[in-house]
Amino acid sequence: VNIQRKLVHELVKIRVRPYYLYQCDLVEGAGHLRTSVSKGIEIIEGLRGHTSGYAVPTYVIDAPGGGGKIPVQPNYVLSQAPGRVVLRNFEGFITTYEEPLDYDPQAIESQDAKIERRPEPGQEGIYGLLEGRRLFIEPEGFEDIHARGGAEHRLRSDELAKKWKPLGVGAVDGDQSAVPAELPETVESKR
């Protein structure tokens, strides 16, 4: 942490912003440049609150398989409930933050509607979920992985719904098809 703090201070002195603390992708020949993710988070913890925010880089992990740079930060939000957030600072001080009671999320909608949207098909991500435009995000190939070799899962098949009826449920006007003629023998009844 001390070496990294000195490095970012020296960079800022020569007017270079330390933009990323970069955890490189898993490529051959770069192993000696890598450290553990926990060490990266420790470095960020050691910088935040102990130096200028301008000198604190964003810690990113270059995700394998073309996943891009993913920012990783220490966990400062410990819990959340309606109207209140529990936070931890860089020193370990834990506090609650009361959210405003009079906040009206619809108050900005008239102004927001005036902004022309830039089309970004397939790029909405979490924002699209929060805006209610989507219910979920599936990674590519998710359906194939969960299709269990192309066969429909037995619990989702229509055939199961026709075959299975709960005991004594579904009999209408004397139709006893849902009620077995006799109950199966149990281990105890055989003794």
C-alpha atoms as a PDB file:
ATOM      1  CA  VAL A   1       0.000   0.000   0.000  1.00  0.00           C
ATOM      2  CA  ASN A   2       2.803   2.427   0.864  1.00  0.00           C
ATOM      3  CA  ILE A   3       4.566   1.849  -2.469  1.00  0.00           C
ATOM      4  CA  GLN A   4       1.318   2.402  -4.375  1.00  0.00           C
ATOM      5  CA  ARG A   5       0.543   5.549  -2.356  1.00  0.00           C
ATOM      6  CA  LYS A   6       3.992   6.980  -3.147  1.00  0.00           C
ATOM      7  CA  LEU A   7       3.538   6.075  -6.828  1.00  0.00           C
ATOM      8  CA  VAL A   8       0.157   7.818  -7.174  1.00  0.00           C
ATOM      9  CA  HIS A   9       1.466  10.913  -5.351  1.00  0.00           C
ATOM     10  CA  GLU A  10       4.471  11.118  -7.677  1.00  0.00           C
ATOM     11  CA  LEU A  11       2.224  10.677 -10.727  1.00  0.00           C
ATOM     12  CA  VAL A  12      -0.065  13.506  -9.594  1.00  0.00           C
ATOM     13  CA  LYS A  13       2.993  15.736  -9.010  1.00  0.00           C
ATOM     14  CA  ILE A  14       3.886  15.412 -12.697  1.00  0.00           C
ATOM     15  CA  ARG A  15       0.215  15.950 -13.660  1.00  0.00           C
ATOM     16  CA  VAL A  16      -0.547  12.347 -14.554  1.00  0.00           C
ATOM     17  CA  ARG A  17      -3.803  11.041 -13.168  1.00  0.00           C
ATOM     18  CA  PRO A  18      -3.586   7.443 -11.898  1.00  0.00           C
ATOM     19  CA  TYR A  19      -6.713   6.317 -13.719  1.00  0.00           C
ATOM     20  CA  TYR A  20      -6.690   2.521 -13.299  1.00  0.00           C
ATOM     21  CA  LEU A  21      -5.183   0.036 -10.917  1.00  0.00           C
ATOM     22  CA  TYR A  22      -5.273  -2.728 -13.495  1.00  0.00           C
ATOM     23  CA  GLN A  23      -5.644  -6.446 -12.733  1.00  0.00           C
ATOM     24  CA  CYS A  24      -4.580  -7.955 -16.059  1.00  0.00           C
ATOM     25  CA  ASP A  25      -6.364 -10.660 -18.000  1.00  0.00           C
ATOM     26  CA  LEU A  26      -5.159 -14.244 -17.679  1.00  0.00           C
ATOM     27  CA  VAL A  27      -2.683 -14.255 -20.543  1.00  0.00           C
ATOM     28  CA  GLU A  28       0.484 -16.256 -20.955  1.00  0.00           C
ATOM     29  CA  GLY A  29       3.569 -14.406 -19.795  1.00  0.00           C
ATOM     30  CA  ALA A  30       1.759 -11.933 -17.526  1.00  0.00           C
ATOM     31  CA  GLY A  31       1.653 -14.063 -14.371  1.00  0.00           C
ATOM     32  CA  HIS A  32       4.527 -12.177 -12.754  1.00  0.00           C
ATOM     33  CA  LEU A  33       2.530  -8.938 -13.090  1.00  0.00           C
ATOM     34  CA  ARG A  34      -0.522 -10.265 -11.299  1.00  0.00           C
ATOM     35  CA  THR A  35      -1.392 -10.122  -7.623  1.00  0.00           C
ATOM     36  CA  SER A  36      -4.451 -11.319  -5.718  1.00  0.00           C
ATOM     37  CA  VAL A  37      -7.752  -9.445  -5.965  1.00  0.00           C
ATOM     38  CA  SER A  38      -7.782  -9.102  -2.181  1.00  0.00           C
ATOM     39  CA  LYS A  39      -4.435  -7.262  -2.389  1.00  0.00           C
ATOM     40  CA  GLY A  40      -5.910  -4.900  -5.000  1.00  0.00           C
ATOM     41  CA  ILE A  41      -8.868  -4.135  -2.739  1.00  0.00           C
ATOM     42  CA  GLU A  42      -6.454  -3.653   0.178  1.00  0.00           C
ATOM     43  CA  ILE A  43      -4.504  -1.100  -1.891  1.00  0.00           C
ATOM     44  CA  ILE A  44      -7.684   0.844  -2.707  1.00  0.00           C
ATOM     45  CA  GLU A  45      -8.694   0.738   0.990  1.00  0.00           C
ATOM     46  CA  GLY A  46      -5.232   2.076   1.847  1.00  0.00           C
ATOM     47  CA  LEU A  47      -5.559   4.963  -0.603  1.00  0.00           C
ATOM     48  CA  ARG A  48      -9.171   6.009  -0.074  1.00  0.00           C
ATOM     49  CA  GLY A  49      -9.427   8.498   2.758  1.00  0.00           C
ATOM     50  CA  HIS A  50      -5.644   8.743   3.050  1.00  0.00           C
ATOM     51  CA  THR A  51      -4.925  10.726  -0.092  1.00  0.00           C
ATOM     52  CA  SER A  52      -6.682  13.001  -2.558  1.00  0.00           C
ATOM     53  CA  GLY A  53      -9.583  11.405  -4.408  1.00  0.00           C
ATOM     54  CA  TYR A  54      -7.909  12.462  -7.643  1.00  0.00           C
ATOM     55  CA  ALA A  55      -4.985  10.186  -6.749  1.00  0.00           C
ATOM     56  CA  VAL A  56      -7.170   7.119  -6.070  1.00  0.00           C
ATOM     57  CA  PRO A  57      -7.391   4.996  -9.209  1.00  0.00           C
ATOM     58  CA  THR A  58     -10.347   2.813 -10.146  1.00  0.00           C
ATOM     59  CA  TYR A  59      -9.420  -0.800  -9.478  1.00  0.00           C
ATOM     60  CA  VAL A  60     -10.466  -2.885 -12.492  1.00  0.00           C
ATOM     61  CA  ILE A  61     -10.197  -6.547 -13.361  1.00  0.00           C
ATOM     62  CA  ASP A  62      -9.854  -7.305 -17.058  1.00  0.00           C
ATOM     63  CA  ALA A  63     -12.342 -10.174 -17.257  1.00  0.00           C
ATOM     64  CA  PRO A  64     -11.327 -13.259 -19.220  1.00  0.00           C
ATOM     65  CA  GLY A  65     -13.143 -14.076 -22.436  1.00  0.00           C
ATOM     66  CA  GLY A  66     -13.674 -10.495 -23.549  1.00  0.00           C
ATOM     67  CA  GLY A  67     -15.668  -9.464 -20.480  1.00  0.00           C
ATOM     68  CA  GLY A  68     -13.973  -6.072 -20.411  1.00  0.00           C
ATOM     69  CA  LYS A  69     -12.736  -4.044 -17.471  1.00  0.00           C
ATOM     70  CA  ILE A  70     -14.905  -4.586 -14.399  1.00  0.00           C
ATOM     71  CA  PRO A  71     -14.518  -2.042 -11.566  1.00  0.00           C
ATOM     72  CA  VAL A  72     -14.043  -3.634  -8.156  1.00  0.00           C
ATOM     73  CA  GLN A  73     -14.303  -1.591  -4.977  1.00  0.00           C
ATOM     74  CA  PRO A  74     -14.286  -2.351  -1.273  1.00  0.00           C
ATOM     75  CA  ASN A  75     -17.752  -2.967   0.118  1.00  0.00           C
ATOM     76  CA  TYR A  76     -18.842   0.282   1.753  1.00  0.00           C
ATOM     77  CA  VAL A  77     -22.609  -0.379   1.673  1.00  0.00           C
ATOM     78  CA  LEU A  78     -23.211  -2.977   4.392  1.00  0.00           C
ATOM     79  CA  SER A  79     -27.002  -3.107   4.305  1.00  0.00           C
ATOM     80  CA  GLN A  80     -30.019  -1.240   3.021  1.00  0.00           C
ATOM     81  CA  ALA A  81     -33.673  -0.912   4.000  1.00  0.00           C
ATOM     82  CA  PRO A  82     -36.409   1.487   2.877  1.00  0.00           C
ATOM     83  CA  GLY A  83     -35.321   4.965   3.979  1.00  0.00           C
ATOM     84  CA  ARG A  84     -31.980   3.917   5.486  1.00  0.00           C
ATOM     85  CA  VAL A  85     -28.544   2.717   4.342  1.00  0.00           C
ATOM     86  CA  VAL A  86     -25.854   1.247   6.616  1.00  0.00           C
ATOM     87  CA  LEU A  87     -22.373   2.336   5.505  1.00  0.00           C
ATOM     88  CA  ARG A  88     -18.749   1.690   6.462  1.00  0.00           C
ATOM     89  CA  ASN A  89     -15.977   4.186   5.821  1.00  0.00           C
ATOM     90  CA  PHE A  90     -12.298   3.492   5.082  1.00  0.00           C
ATOM     91  CA  GLU A  91     -11.488   3.502   8.833  1.00  0.00           C
ATOM     92  CA  GLY A  92     -14.132   0.919   9.714  1.00  0.00           C
ATOM     93  CA  PHE A  93     -16.563   3.497  11.144  1.00  0.00           C
ATOM     94  CA  ILE A  94     -20.111   2.169  10.636  1.00  0.00           C
ATOM     95  CA  THR A  95     -23.048   4.548  10.383  1.00  0.00           C
ATOM     96  CA  THR A  96     -26.568   4.854   9.044  1.00  0.00           C
ATOM     97  CA  TYR A  97     -27.592   7.326   6.394  1.00  0.00           C
ATOM     98  CA  GLU A  98     -31.213   8.455   6.480  1.00  0.00           C
ATOM     99  CA  GLU A  99     -32.647   8.931   3.011  1.00  0.00           C
ATOM    100  CA  PRO A 100     -34.909  11.956   2.389  1.00  0.00           C
ATOM    101  CA  LEU A 101     -38.542  11.396   3.345  1.00  0.00           C
ATOM    102  CA  ASP A 102     -39.872  13.897   0.813  1.00  0.00           C
ATOM    103  CA  TYR A 103     -38.004  12.503  -2.212  1.00  0.00           C
ATOM    104  CA  ASP A 104     -40.289  12.196  -5.220  1.00  0.00           C
ATOM    105  CA  PRO A 105     -38.732  10.065  -7.979  1.00  0.00           C
ATOM    106  CA  GLN A 106     -41.391  11.282 -10.441  1.00  0.00           C
ATOM    107  CA  ALA A 107     -40.463  14.958  -9.955  1.00  0.00           C
ATOM    108  CA  ILE A 108     -37.731  14.770 -12.608  1.00  0.00           C
ATOM    109  CA  GLU A 109     -39.749  12.800 -15.188  1.00  0.00           C
ATOM    110  CA  SER A 110     -40.963  15.883 -17.092  1.00  0.00           C
ATOM    111  CA  GLN A 111     -37.361  17.058 -17.572  1.00  0.00           C
ATOM    112  CA  ASP A 112     -36.097  13.550 -18.293  1.00  0.00           C
ATOM    113  CA  ALA A 113     -38.715  13.112 -21.037  1.00  0.00           C
ATOM    114  CA  LYS A 114     -37.265  16.128 -22.896  1.00  0.00           C
ATOM    115  CA  ILE A 115     -33.877  14.446 -23.303  1.00  0.00           C
ATOM    116  CA  GLU A 116     -33.459  12.604 -26.594  1.00  0.00           C
ATOM    117  CA  ARG A 117     -32.433   9.018 -25.950  1.00  0.00           C
ATOM    118  CA  ARG A 118     -29.423   7.632 -27.746  1.00  0.00           C
ATOM    119  CA  PRO A 119     -30.274   4.175 -29.104  1.00  0.00           C
ATOM    120  CA  GLU A 120     -28.044   1.511 -27.612  1.00  0.00           C
ATOM    121  CA  PRO A 121     -29.588  -1.859 -28.441  1.00  0.00           C
ATOM    122  CA  GLY A 122     -28.463  -4.560 -26.059  1.00  0.00           C
ATOM    123  CA  GLN A 123     -26.526  -2.090 -23.911  1.00  0.00           C
ATOM    124  CA  GLU A 124     -29.039  -1.069 -21.245  1.00  0.00           C
ATOM    125  CA  GLY A 125     -27.846  -3.516 -18.604  1.00  0.00           C
ATOM    126  CA  ILE A 126     -28.921  -2.837 -15.023  1.00  0.00           C
ATOM    127  CA  TYR A 127     -30.353   0.548 -16.026  1.00  0.00           C
ATOM    128  CA  GLY A 128     -32.884  -1.204 -18.265  1.00  0.00           C
ATOM    129  CA  LEU A 129     -33.954  -3.354 -15.326  1.00  0.00           C
ATOM    130  CA  LEU A 130     -34.352  -0.334 -13.063  1.00  0.00           C
ATOM    131  CA  GLU A 131     -36.381   1.487 -15.726  1.00  0.00           C
ATOM    132  CA  GLY A 132     -38.721  -1.497 -16.028  1.00  0.00           C
ATOM    133  CA  ARG A 133     -37.923  -2.192 -19.678  1.00  0.00           C
ATOM    134  CA  ARG A 134     -36.712  -5.697 -18.874  1.00  0.00           C
ATOM    135  CA  LEU A 135     -37.316  -8.192 -16.087  1.00  0.00           C
ATOM    136  CA  PHE A 136     -34.007 -10.045 -16.312  1.00  0.00           C
ATOM    137  CA  ILE A 137     -30.701 -10.268 -18.131  1.00  0.00           C
ATOM    138  CA  GLU A 138     -29.525 -13.620 -19.427  1.00  0.00           C
ATOM    139  CA  PRO A 139     -25.968 -14.244 -20.541  1.00  0.00           C
ATOM    140  CA  GLU A 140     -25.523 -15.555 -24.073  1.00  0.00           C
ATOM    141  CA  GLY A 141     -26.134 -19.299 -24.193  1.00  0.00           C
ATOM    142  CA  PHE A 142     -28.085 -19.342 -20.914  1.00  0.00           C
ATOM    143  CA  GLU A 143     -31.077 -21.126 -22.472  1.00  0.00           C
ATOM    144  CA  ASP A 144     -28.835 -23.777 -24.030  1.00  0.00           C
ATOM    145  CA  ILE A 145     -27.108 -24.492 -20.728  1.00  0.00           C
ATOM    146  CA  HIS A 146     -30.396 -24.811 -18.874  1.00  0.00           C
ATOM    147  CA  ALA A 147     -32.141 -26.851 -21.593  1.00  0.00           C
ATOM    148  CA  ARG A 148     -30.547 -30.060 -20.234  1.00  0.00           C
ATOM    149  CA  GLY A 149     -29.453 -31.410 -23.595  1.00  0.00           C
ATOM    150  CA  GLY A 150     -32.426 -30.096 -25.526  1.00  0.00           C
ATOM    151  CA  ALA A 151     -35.037 -32.111 -23.615  1.00  0.00           C
ATOM    152  CA  GLU A 152     -37.762 -30.258 -21.779  1.00  0.00           C
ATOM    153  CA  HIS A 153     -37.376 -30.515 -18.015  1.00  0.00           C
ATOM    154  CA  ARG A 154     -39.812 -33.040 -16.549  1.00  0.00           C
ATOM    155  CA  LEU A 155     -41.314 -30.533 -14.112  1.00  0.00           C
ATOM    156  CA  ARG A 156     -42.170 -28.146 -16.957  1.00  0.00           C
ATOM    157  CA  SER A 157     -43.788 -30.665 -19.284  1.00  0.00           C
ATOM    158  CA  ASP A 158     -47.517 -30.580 -20.021  1.00  0.00           C
ATOM    159  CA  GLU A 159     -47.583 -34.363 -19.782  1.00  0.00           C
ATOM    160  CA  LEU A 160     -46.734 -34.210 -16.082  1.00  0.00           C
ATOM    161  CA  ALA A 161     -49.606 -31.797 -15.436  1.00  0.00           C
ATOM    162  CA  LYS A 162     -51.997 -34.305 -17.048  1.00  0.00           C
ATOM    163  CA  LYS A 163     -50.629 -37.314 -15.147  1.00  0.00           C
ATOM    164  CA  TRP A 164     -50.140 -35.898 -11.700  1.00  0.00           C
ATOM    165  CA  LYS A 165     -53.045 -34.847  -9.534  1.00  0.00           C
ATOM    166  CA  PRO A 166     -52.834 -34.356  -5.787  1.00  0.00           C
ATOM    167  CA  LEU A 167     -54.626 -36.982  -3.686  1.00  0.00           C
ATOM    168  CA  GLY A 168     -58.295 -36.073  -3.291  1.00  0.00           C
ATOM    169  CA  VAL A 169     -57.982 -32.849  -5.257  1.00  0.00           C
ATOM    170  CA  GLY A 170     -59.725 -32.361  -8.564  1.00  0.00           C
ATOM    171  CA  ALA A 171     -62.645 -34.765  -8.141  1.00  0.00           C
ATOM    172  CA  VAL A 172     -65.779 -33.049  -9.447  1.00  0.00           C
ATOM    173  CA  ASP A 173     -69.386 -34.297  -9.087  1.00  0.00           C
ATOM    174  CA  GLY A 174     -68.573 -37.857  -8.127  1.00  0.00           C
ATOM    175  CA  ASP A 175     -65.613 -38.206 -10.516  1.00  0.00           C
ATOM    176  CA  GLN A 176     -63.109 -40.005  -8.338  1.00  0.00           C
ATOM    177  CA  SER A 177     -60.316 -40.207 -10.934  1.00  0.00           C
ATOM    178  CA  ALA A 178     -58.113 -38.092  -8.720  1.00  0.00           C
ATOM    179  CA  VAL A 179     -58.764 -40.308  -5.700  1.00  0.00           C
ATOM    180  CA  PRO A 180     -57.112 -43.755  -5.746  1.00  0.00           C
ATOM    181  CA  ALA A 181     -59.350 -46.759  -5.090  1.00  0.00           C
ATOM    182  CA  GLU A 182     -57.161 -47.758  -2.165  1.00  0.00           C
ATOM    183  CA  LEU A 183     -54.148 -46.259  -0.532  1.00  0.00           C
ATOM    184  CA  PRO A 184     -50.823 -47.998  -1.171  1.00  0.00           C
ATOM    185  CA  GLU A 185     -49.482 -50.197   1.581  1.00  0.00           C
ATOM    186  CA  THR A 186     -46.896 -48.686   3.838  1.00  0.00           C
ATOM    187  CA  VAL A 187     -43.978 -50.501   5.402  1.00  0.00           C
ATOM    188  CA  GLU A 188     -45.767 -50.516   8.758  1.00  0.00           C
ATOM    189  CA  SER A 189     -48.988 -52.028   7.344  1.00  0.00           C
ATOM    190  CA  LYS A 190     -47.010 -54.986   5.948  1.00  0.00           C
ATOM    191  CA  ARG A 191     -45.759 -55.986   9.405  1.00  0.00           C
END
